[in-house]
Amino acid sequence: MKKYQTLLFDVDDTLLDFGAAENQALKLLFASQKIPLTSDIEARYKKLNQDLWRSYEEGKMDRDEVVYTRFSRLFNAYGQEVDGVLMEKNYRRYLEKGHQLIQGALELITNLQNHYDLYIVTNGVSETQERRLRDSGLFPLFKDIFVSEATGFQKPMKEYFDYVFARIPGFSADQGLVIGDSISSDIKGGQLAGLDTCWFNPGMIPNNTEFVPTHQIRQLDELYRIL
């Protein structure tokens, strides 16, 4: 079996439960605005948000356009106007408080830290991601954190991974492994950069893309058998 040394972990829905953090933040945001958060509004927001981030990953829009227009776009669909920038800033404050761990994440990273070179590779906002990682207890277990906002590129762009590789001492691509939940971001990005990939797929959803991961796991502790 291939020997890996550098493990590149995604954050959201790989190590931290983004769904739980997002739901908590949306409830607090809408409560602060005295606007009822209905199931219809929540579902519409999540679909809109996913589409915007996919456009970001594909290089069709920049990060600021995603985060500062998503709430104004949402409310426009209901015939209302809101300050998208202000809504985003308030949402970000609530989201930063969400650091719920995926089951087994802290134990896994704690066990691996003395045997492998661990790094974070994540799209998102630097301040938010670093705050969530610190509050979860994961932050000090990694050698470095690479957030797309700070790099100027994003997964799955090859330039993002080139930026990361240049900042990892003695990095060797044939000993690197990307671990993440997103085919379009983590698996595609890892393959474009010439790395093996591990798809964290707890729901065992089908992969209908051309990007086939090197490995697939349903639970984080299954990573041990790969390593």
C-alpha atoms as a PDB file:
ATOM      1  CA  MET A   1       0.000   0.000   0.000  1.00  0.00           C
ATOM      2  CA  LYS A   2       1.183   3.495  -0.828  1.00  0.00           C
ATOM      3  CA  LYS A   3       2.802   5.369   2.048  1.00  0.00           C
ATOM      4  CA  TYR A   4       1.474   8.859   2.729  1.00  0.00           C
ATOM      5  CA  GLN A   5       3.210  11.509   4.810  1.00  0.00           C
ATOM      6  CA  THR A   6       1.417  14.811   4.112  1.00  0.00           C
ATOM      7  CA  LEU A   7      -2.304  14.785   4.876  1.00  0.00           C
ATOM      8  CA  LEU A   8      -4.357  17.729   3.607  1.00  0.00           C
ATOM      9  CA  PHE A   9      -7.727  17.960   5.363  1.00  0.00           C
ATOM     10  CA  ASP A  10     -10.786  19.913   4.327  1.00  0.00           C
ATOM     11  CA  VAL A  11     -12.740  21.539   7.186  1.00  0.00           C
ATOM     12  CA  ASP A  12     -16.466  21.851   6.540  1.00  0.00           C
ATOM     13  CA  ASP A  13     -18.384  18.575   6.703  1.00  0.00           C
ATOM     14  CA  THR A  14     -15.066  16.733   6.973  1.00  0.00           C
ATOM     15  CA  LEU A  15     -13.775  17.766  10.413  1.00  0.00           C
ATOM     16  CA  LEU A  16     -16.402  20.312  11.493  1.00  0.00           C
ATOM     17  CA  ASP A  17     -20.153  19.929  11.074  1.00  0.00           C
ATOM     18  CA  PHE A  18     -20.934  22.886   8.836  1.00  0.00           C
ATOM     19  CA  GLY A  19     -24.599  21.978   8.568  1.00  0.00           C
ATOM     20  CA  ALA A  20     -25.064  22.318  12.332  1.00  0.00           C
ATOM     21  CA  ALA A  21     -23.100  25.594  12.428  1.00  0.00           C
ATOM     22  CA  GLU A  22     -25.052  26.997   9.491  1.00  0.00           C
ATOM     23  CA  ASN A  23     -28.450  26.101  10.943  1.00  0.00           C
ATOM     24  CA  GLN A  24     -27.539  27.712  14.255  1.00  0.00           C
ATOM     25  CA  ALA A  25     -26.256  30.871  12.558  1.00  0.00           C
ATOM     26  CA  LEU A  26     -29.311  31.245  10.316  1.00  0.00           C
ATOM     27  CA  LYS A  27     -31.693  30.910  13.240  1.00  0.00           C
ATOM     28  CA  LEU A  28     -29.821  33.563  15.215  1.00  0.00           C
ATOM     29  CA  LEU A  29     -29.553  35.871  12.203  1.00  0.00           C
ATOM     30  CA  PHE A  30     -33.216  35.759  11.302  1.00  0.00           C
ATOM     31  CA  ALA A  31     -34.272  36.075  14.944  1.00  0.00           C
ATOM     32  CA  SER A  32     -32.145  39.226  15.249  1.00  0.00           C
ATOM     33  CA  GLN A  33     -33.868  40.642  12.161  1.00  0.00           C
ATOM     34  CA  LYS A  34     -37.322  39.676  13.509  1.00  0.00           C
ATOM     35  CA  ILE A  35     -37.961  37.752  10.302  1.00  0.00           C
ATOM     36  CA  PRO A  36     -39.500  34.266  10.576  1.00  0.00           C
ATOM     37  CA  LEU A  37     -37.098  31.605   9.263  1.00  0.00           C
ATOM     38  CA  THR A  38     -39.457  29.228   7.507  1.00  0.00           C
ATOM     39  CA  SER A  39     -38.420  25.862   6.088  1.00  0.00           C
ATOM     40  CA  ASP A  40     -39.024  27.268   2.597  1.00  0.00           C
ATOM     41  CA  ILE A  41     -36.696  30.228   3.155  1.00  0.00           C
ATOM     42  CA  GLU A  42     -34.025  28.006   4.699  1.00  0.00           C
ATOM     43  CA  ALA A  43     -34.159  25.511   1.816  1.00  0.00           C
ATOM     44  CA  ARG A  44     -34.045  28.308  -0.765  1.00  0.00           C
ATOM     45  CA  TYR A  45     -31.056  29.914   0.955  1.00  0.00           C
ATOM     46  CA  LYS A  46     -29.086  26.656   1.067  1.00  0.00           C
ATOM     47  CA  LYS A  47     -29.713  25.958  -2.609  1.00  0.00           C
ATOM     48  CA  LEU A  48     -28.759  29.532  -3.549  1.00  0.00           C
ATOM     49  CA  ASN A  49     -25.657  29.408  -1.356  1.00  0.00           C
ATOM     50  CA  GLN A  50     -24.487  26.108  -2.852  1.00  0.00           C
ATOM     51  CA  ASP A  51     -24.939  27.447  -6.377  1.00  0.00           C
ATOM     52  CA  LEU A  52     -22.983  30.626  -5.586  1.00  0.00           C
ATOM     53  CA  TRP A  53     -20.076  28.727  -3.993  1.00  0.00           C
ATOM     54  CA  ARG A  54     -20.000  26.361  -6.965  1.00  0.00           C
ATOM     55  CA  SER A  55     -19.657  29.366  -9.257  1.00  0.00           C
ATOM     56  CA  TYR A  56     -16.819  30.571  -7.019  1.00  0.00           C
ATOM     57  CA  GLU A  57     -15.065  27.204  -7.266  1.00  0.00           C
ATOM     58  CA  GLU A  58     -15.432  27.361 -11.041  1.00  0.00           C
ATOM     59  CA  GLY A  59     -13.893  30.843 -11.109  1.00  0.00           C
ATOM     60  CA  LYS A  60     -17.078  32.523 -12.331  1.00  0.00           C
ATOM     61  CA  MET A  61     -17.318  34.979  -9.418  1.00  0.00           C
ATOM     62  CA  ASP A  62     -15.124  36.164  -6.583  1.00  0.00           C
ATOM     63  CA  ARG A  63     -15.617  35.482  -2.873  1.00  0.00           C
ATOM     64  CA  ASP A  64     -16.932  38.951  -2.040  1.00  0.00           C
ATOM     65  CA  GLU A  65     -19.671  38.643  -4.632  1.00  0.00           C
ATOM     66  CA  VAL A  66     -20.724  35.314  -3.106  1.00  0.00           C
ATOM     67  CA  VAL A  67     -20.872  36.388   0.519  1.00  0.00           C
ATOM     68  CA  TYR A  68     -22.073  39.957   0.130  1.00  0.00           C
ATOM     69  CA  THR A  69     -24.924  39.238  -2.280  1.00  0.00           C
ATOM     70  CA  ARG A  70     -26.340  35.916  -1.099  1.00  0.00           C
ATOM     71  CA  PHE A  71     -28.755  37.398   1.430  1.00  0.00           C
ATOM     72  CA  SER A  72     -29.852  40.245  -0.839  1.00  0.00           C
ATOM     73  CA  ARG A  73     -30.446  37.701  -3.636  1.00  0.00           C
ATOM     74  CA  LEU A  74     -32.431  35.542  -1.233  1.00  0.00           C
ATOM     75  CA  PHE A  75     -34.738  38.310  -0.107  1.00  0.00           C
ATOM     76  CA  ASN A  76     -35.109  39.675  -3.620  1.00  0.00           C
ATOM     77  CA  ALA A  77     -36.724  36.349  -4.467  1.00  0.00           C
ATOM     78  CA  TYR A  78     -39.400  37.215  -1.898  1.00  0.00           C
ATOM     79  CA  GLY A  79     -39.800  40.810  -3.081  1.00  0.00           C
ATOM     80  CA  GLN A  80     -37.849  42.323  -0.172  1.00  0.00           C
ATOM     81  CA  GLU A  81     -34.699  44.440  -0.064  1.00  0.00           C
ATOM     82  CA  VAL A  82     -32.076  43.976   2.641  1.00  0.00           C
ATOM     83  CA  ASP A  83     -28.527  45.216   3.181  1.00  0.00           C
ATOM     84  CA  GLY A  84     -26.590  42.185   1.955  1.00  0.00           C
ATOM     85  CA  VAL A  85     -23.292  43.375   3.400  1.00  0.00           C
ATOM     86  CA  LEU A  86     -24.738  44.009   6.866  1.00  0.00           C
ATOM     87  CA  MET A  87     -26.611  40.702   6.852  1.00  0.00           C
ATOM     88  CA  GLU A  88     -23.399  38.919   5.922  1.00  0.00           C
ATOM     89  CA  LYS A  89     -21.409  40.553   8.710  1.00  0.00           C
ATOM     90  CA  ASN A  90     -24.031  39.582  11.279  1.00  0.00           C
ATOM     91  CA  TYR A  91     -24.285  36.056   9.883  1.00  0.00           C
ATOM     92  CA  ARG A  92     -20.504  35.694  10.043  1.00  0.00           C
ATOM     93  CA  ARG A  93     -20.494  36.581  13.757  1.00  0.00           C
ATOM     94  CA  TYR A  94     -22.992  33.829  14.438  1.00  0.00           C
ATOM     95  CA  LEU A  95     -21.285  31.309  12.156  1.00  0.00           C
ATOM     96  CA  GLU A  96     -17.952  31.788  13.941  1.00  0.00           C
ATOM     97  CA  LYS A  97     -19.563  30.328  17.047  1.00  0.00           C
ATOM     98  CA  GLY A  98     -20.307  27.059  15.280  1.00  0.00           C
ATOM     99  CA  HIS A  99     -17.499  24.586  15.887  1.00  0.00           C
ATOM    100  CA  GLN A 100     -19.348  21.299  16.273  1.00  0.00           C
ATOM    101  CA  LEU A 101     -17.026  18.408  15.470  1.00  0.00           C
ATOM    102  CA  ILE A 102     -17.737  15.573  13.065  1.00  0.00           C
ATOM    103  CA  GLN A 103     -17.821  12.334  15.064  1.00  0.00           C
ATOM    104  CA  GLY A 104     -14.296  11.021  15.613  1.00  0.00           C
ATOM    105  CA  ALA A 105     -12.533  14.095  14.164  1.00  0.00           C
ATOM    106  CA  LEU A 106     -10.647  15.251  17.256  1.00  0.00           C
ATOM    107  CA  GLU A 107      -9.559  11.727  18.183  1.00  0.00           C
ATOM    108  CA  LEU A 108      -8.372  11.030  14.629  1.00  0.00           C
ATOM    109  CA  ILE A 109      -6.320  14.216  14.292  1.00  0.00           C
ATOM    110  CA  THR A 110      -4.880  13.831  17.795  1.00  0.00           C
ATOM    111  CA  ASN A 111      -3.724  10.310  16.955  1.00  0.00           C
ATOM    112  CA  LEU A 112      -2.240  11.309  13.596  1.00  0.00           C
ATOM    113  CA  GLN A 113      -0.422  14.505  14.525  1.00  0.00           C
ATOM    114  CA  ASN A 114       2.782  12.860  15.770  1.00  0.00           C
ATOM    115  CA  HIS A 115       3.071  10.510  12.797  1.00  0.00           C
ATOM    116  CA  TYR A 116       2.081  12.623   9.794  1.00  0.00           C
ATOM    117  CA  ASP A 117       2.388  16.195   8.545  1.00  0.00           C
ATOM    118  CA  LEU A 118      -1.133  17.591   8.899  1.00  0.00           C
ATOM    119  CA  TYR A 119      -2.440  20.658   7.053  1.00  0.00           C
ATOM    120  CA  ILE A 120      -5.816  22.318   6.549  1.00  0.00           C
ATOM    121  CA  VAL A 121      -6.949  23.146   2.995  1.00  0.00           C
ATOM    122  CA  THR A 122     -10.274  24.980   3.009  1.00  0.00           C
ATOM    123  CA  ASN A 123     -12.323  27.446   1.032  1.00  0.00           C
ATOM    124  CA  GLY A 124     -13.929  30.239   3.022  1.00  0.00           C
ATOM    125  CA  VAL A 125     -13.184  33.292   5.129  1.00  0.00           C
ATOM    126  CA  SER A 126      -9.916  33.187   7.073  1.00  0.00           C
ATOM    127  CA  GLU A 127     -11.126  34.739  10.325  1.00  0.00           C
ATOM    128  CA  THR A 128     -14.196  32.510  10.459  1.00  0.00           C
ATOM    129  CA  GLN A 129     -12.414  29.246   9.688  1.00  0.00           C
ATOM    130  CA  GLU A 130      -9.537  29.918  12.085  1.00  0.00           C
ATOM    131  CA  ARG A 131     -11.913  30.886  14.906  1.00  0.00           C
ATOM    132  CA  ARG A 132     -13.948  27.702  14.443  1.00  0.00           C
ATOM    133  CA  LEU A 133     -10.821  25.546  14.334  1.00  0.00           C
ATOM    134  CA  ARG A 134      -9.446  27.161  17.495  1.00  0.00           C
ATOM    135  CA  ASP A 135     -12.702  26.768  19.405  1.00  0.00           C
ATOM    136  CA  SER A 136     -12.977  23.127  18.356  1.00  0.00           C
ATOM    137  CA  GLY A 137      -9.487  22.321  19.662  1.00  0.00           C
ATOM    138  CA  LEU A 138      -8.194  21.293  16.233  1.00  0.00           C
ATOM    139  CA  PHE A 139      -6.130  24.362  15.365  1.00  0.00           C
ATOM    140  CA  PRO A 140      -2.889  23.547  17.252  1.00  0.00           C
ATOM    141  CA  LEU A 141      -2.813  19.999  15.871  1.00  0.00           C
ATOM    142  CA  PHE A 142      -2.032  21.197  12.326  1.00  0.00           C
ATOM    143  CA  LYS A 143       1.270  22.470  11.000  1.00  0.00           C
ATOM    144  CA  ASP A 144      -0.451  25.189   8.950  1.00  0.00           C
ATOM    145  CA  ILE A 145      -3.876  26.386   7.811  1.00  0.00           C
ATOM    146  CA  PHE A 146      -4.488  27.395   4.186  1.00  0.00           C
ATOM    147  CA  VAL A 147      -7.755  29.304   3.684  1.00  0.00           C
ATOM    148  CA  SER A 148      -8.716  30.343   0.166  1.00  0.00           C
ATOM    149  CA  GLU A 149      -9.315  33.973   1.138  1.00  0.00           C
ATOM    150  CA  ALA A 150      -5.689  34.332   2.254  1.00  0.00           C
ATOM    151  CA  THR A 151      -4.179  32.457  -0.693  1.00  0.00           C
ATOM    152  CA  GLY A 152      -5.942  34.397  -3.446  1.00  0.00           C
ATOM    153  CA  PHE A 153      -7.075  31.128  -5.027  1.00  0.00           C
ATOM    154  CA  GLN A 154      -9.598  28.460  -4.133  1.00  0.00           C
ATOM    155  CA  LYS A 155     -10.115  24.741  -4.428  1.00  0.00           C
ATOM    156  CA  PRO A 156     -10.266  23.111  -6.944  1.00  0.00           C
ATOM    157  CA  MET A 157      -7.877  25.502  -8.741  1.00  0.00           C
ATOM    158  CA  LYS A 158      -4.425  24.066  -9.338  1.00  0.00           C
ATOM    159  CA  GLU A 159      -2.994  27.475  -8.362  1.00  0.00           C
ATOM    160  CA  TYR A 160      -4.441  27.016  -4.879  1.00  0.00           C
ATOM    161  CA  PHE A 161      -2.595  23.747  -4.394  1.00  0.00           C
ATOM    162  CA  ASP A 162       0.589  25.146  -5.952  1.00  0.00           C
ATOM    163  CA  TYR A 163       0.420  27.895  -3.306  1.00  0.00           C
ATOM    164  CA  VAL A 164       0.043  25.274  -0.583  1.00  0.00           C
ATOM    165  CA  PHE A 165       2.824  23.014  -1.880  1.00  0.00           C
ATOM    166  CA  ALA A 166       5.274  25.916  -2.027  1.00  0.00           C
ATOM    167  CA  ARG A 167       4.751  26.495   1.702  1.00  0.00           C
ATOM    168  CA  ILE A 168       5.139  22.906   2.905  1.00  0.00           C
ATOM    169  CA  PRO A 169       8.795  22.105   3.649  1.00  0.00           C
ATOM    170  CA  GLY A 170      10.062  19.146   1.654  1.00  0.00           C
ATOM    171  CA  PHE A 171       6.674  18.449   0.114  1.00  0.00           C
ATOM    172  CA  SER A 172       6.443  15.390  -2.128  1.00  0.00           C
ATOM    173  CA  ALA A 173       3.279  14.963  -4.210  1.00  0.00           C
ATOM    174  CA  ASP A 174       3.509  11.182  -4.270  1.00  0.00           C
ATOM    175  CA  GLN A 175       3.318  11.160  -0.473  1.00  0.00           C
ATOM    176  CA  GLY A 176       0.390  13.588  -0.258  1.00  0.00           C
ATOM    177  CA  LEU A 177      -3.275  12.780   0.304  1.00  0.00           C
ATOM    178  CA  VAL A 178      -6.288  15.136   0.182  1.00  0.00           C
ATOM    179  CA  ILE A 179      -9.167  14.199   2.498  1.00  0.00           C
ATOM    180  CA  GLY A 180     -12.512  15.933   2.004  1.00  0.00           C
ATOM    181  CA  ASP A 181     -16.249  15.596   1.471  1.00  0.00           C
ATOM    182  CA  SER A 182     -16.608  17.503  -1.802  1.00  0.00           C
ATOM    183  CA  ILE A 183     -16.070  15.895  -5.193  1.00  0.00           C
ATOM    184  CA  SER A 184     -16.133  19.260  -6.988  1.00  0.00           C
ATOM    185  CA  SER A 185     -13.701  20.927  -4.589  1.00  0.00           C
ATOM    186  CA  ASP A 186     -11.515  18.393  -2.766  1.00  0.00           C
ATOM    187  CA  ILE A 187     -11.410  15.403  -5.087  1.00  0.00           C
ATOM    188  CA  LYS A 188     -11.293  17.364  -8.337  1.00  0.00           C
ATOM    189  CA  GLY A 189      -8.765  19.794  -6.853  1.00  0.00           C
ATOM    190  CA  GLY A 190      -6.526  17.052  -5.526  1.00  0.00           C
ATOM    191  CA  GLN A 191      -6.527  15.235  -8.861  1.00  0.00           C
ATOM    192  CA  LEU A 192      -5.786  18.385 -10.846  1.00  0.00           C
ATOM    193  CA  ALA A 193      -2.814  18.924  -8.527  1.00  0.00           C
ATOM    194  CA  GLY A 194      -1.552  15.374  -9.024  1.00  0.00           C
ATOM    195  CA  LEU A 195      -2.436  14.039  -5.562  1.00  0.00           C
ATOM    196  CA  ASP A 196      -4.211  10.956  -4.329  1.00  0.00           C
ATOM    197  CA  THR A 197      -7.576  11.724  -2.789  1.00  0.00           C
ATOM    198  CA  CYS A 198      -9.865  10.307  -0.107  1.00  0.00           C
ATOM    199  CA  TRP A 199     -13.578  11.062  -0.343  1.00  0.00           C
ATOM    200  CA  PHE A 200     -15.314  11.316   3.031  1.00  0.00           C
ATOM    201  CA  ASN A 201     -18.809  10.214   2.060  1.00  0.00           C
ATOM    202  CA  PRO A 202     -20.844   9.347   5.191  1.00  0.00           C
ATOM    203  CA  GLY A 203     -24.129   9.375   3.263  1.00  0.00           C
ATOM    204  CA  MET A 204     -22.706   7.098   0.549  1.00  0.00           C
ATOM    205  CA  ILE A 205     -24.099   9.393  -2.122  1.00  0.00           C
ATOM    206  CA  PRO A 206     -23.360   8.314  -5.713  1.00  0.00           C
ATOM    207  CA  ASN A 207     -20.547   9.991  -7.611  1.00  0.00           C
ATOM    208  CA  ASN A 208     -21.849  10.977 -11.025  1.00  0.00           C
ATOM    209  CA  THR A 209     -18.756  12.918 -12.047  1.00  0.00           C
ATOM    210  CA  GLU A 210     -15.621  12.032 -13.952  1.00  0.00           C
ATOM    211  CA  PHE A 211     -13.502  12.554 -10.834  1.00  0.00           C
ATOM    212  CA  VAL A 212     -13.027   9.215  -9.112  1.00  0.00           C
ATOM    213  CA  PRO A 213     -11.335   9.351  -5.673  1.00  0.00           C
ATOM    214  CA  THR A 214      -8.393   7.096  -4.894  1.00  0.00           C
ATOM    215  CA  HIS A 215     -10.109   6.068  -1.660  1.00  0.00           C
ATOM    216  CA  GLN A 216     -13.571   6.420  -0.154  1.00  0.00           C
ATOM    217  CA  ILE A 217     -14.555   6.273   3.512  1.00  0.00           C
ATOM    218  CA  ARG A 218     -17.859   6.487   5.335  1.00  0.00           C
ATOM    219  CA  GLN A 219     -16.439   7.172   8.801  1.00  0.00           C
ATOM    220  CA  LEU A 220     -13.304   9.091   9.700  1.00  0.00           C
ATOM    221  CA  ASP A 221     -11.727   6.174  11.570  1.00  0.00           C
ATOM    222  CA  GLU A 222     -11.677   4.214   8.289  1.00  0.00           C
ATOM    223  CA  LEU A 223      -8.757   6.454   7.324  1.00  0.00           C
ATOM    224  CA  TYR A 224      -6.475   4.369   9.549  1.00  0.00           C
ATOM    225  CA  ARG A 225      -6.653   1.375   7.217  1.00  0.00           C
ATOM    226  CA  ILE A 226      -5.664   3.567   4.269  1.00  0.00           C
ATOM    227  CA  LEU A 227      -2.677   5.021   6.114  1.00  0.00           C
END
